[in-house]
Amino acid sequence: MTAPMARAPSAVVGPDGVPSLGRFQGLAECFDWHRLAPPHARGAFWRRFHHKRWHYMALATPELFCAAAVVDVGWTNTAFAYAFDRAQRRVIAAFSRDGIPGLTASVAHNALGRSRFAMAGHRVELGQQSLTLRCKDFSIDAVLAGEAPVMLAVGPALGGSIHATQKSGGLALTGSVTAAGKTWSLDGGTASYDYSNGLLARDTAWRWASAHGPRLGFNLQAGYFGAHENALWLDGAIHPLAEANFDYDPASPLAPWHITTADGLLDLTFTPEGARREDRNLLVAASRYVQPIGVFDGWVRPHQGADKVRIDSLVGVTEDHSSRW
């Protein structure tokens, strides 16, 4: 049986400059990377271009899957949002916009705060318990309720310094989405959020999977952050998971994916229903991104020797992402 996760520190970096590495339960308030001591310390100029922060939220119902994010990459900022119609198996509304450094976006200092993007009549605002989007004929008004344990993961980032992320479990959802000339109810759905803040390499890549329901959810990543953020949410508790293996065809991301963990606690098949894609190649930056939306089937268990818990048609996403930022 796994021991409960330790309580999250209020500050990720201690007064001695040493980061609190590991997985914790709860919310941190301070991510003061300038306080890092060697060997993790970096100069102000390096931090200016390698400090990456983003605030992401996912909304899932039987009919619709939506996601939105505000991103600050240090030297510029961006935001995106989309609505995916599960019956039509396609994205029915989408917004993506690069901002003006220092003017159009503010990412919160922690997951308790509010992140905003506003430009040319487009507005995205995320908080711990709400998401508001206004982008012409695409709008979201979402309210999150209830309590779900939140994980803080802190660890070294490949090619960078230290990274931290806060992931929530599934939260009760109410509200509405207007897209493609129709208004959809979010009532009875499930939401989750991701607040990430760290000092990352210029070239960063990862594979990711996430899905949450009222009782059960998981977060898996393979890439720049190793297994640090891999976890299972089950019946109000968070259980750490080992390294994740993503068996899929990068050239055919809409084919089924097979995802397992090295500790034998998770074995899932992901069947995509569709995807959001975005490829960019700018003068100083580039990204390749595909986020399939679909359902997970298989089993999980909280620890060795525990009974397997079935997962059937749990809606969520996978992601294949590489960035030069």
Foldseek 3Di string as FASTA:
>chain_A
DDDAFAADEQAQADQCQRGDAAKHWDWHNADPQCSHDPPQHDDPVLCLQQKKKKKKKWADDPFKIKMKMWIDRNQWIKIKIWIAGLVVLGTQDMDIDTDHPPPAWDDDRIQQDKIWGDDPQWIWIDHNFWIWTDDPQKIWTKGWDDAAIKMWHWDQFVQWGIKIKIKTAWTAMFTWIGGPNDIDTRHRITMMMMIIIDGYHLKWWKKWWWFHDPAKIWIAMPTGGFQRRTWIGGRRGIAGFHGKDWADDPVCNQCKIWMDTPQRFDTKIWHFSYWDWDWDDDPQKTKGKIKTKWFIWDWGARHPPGDTDTGDRGIIIMMTMIMRD
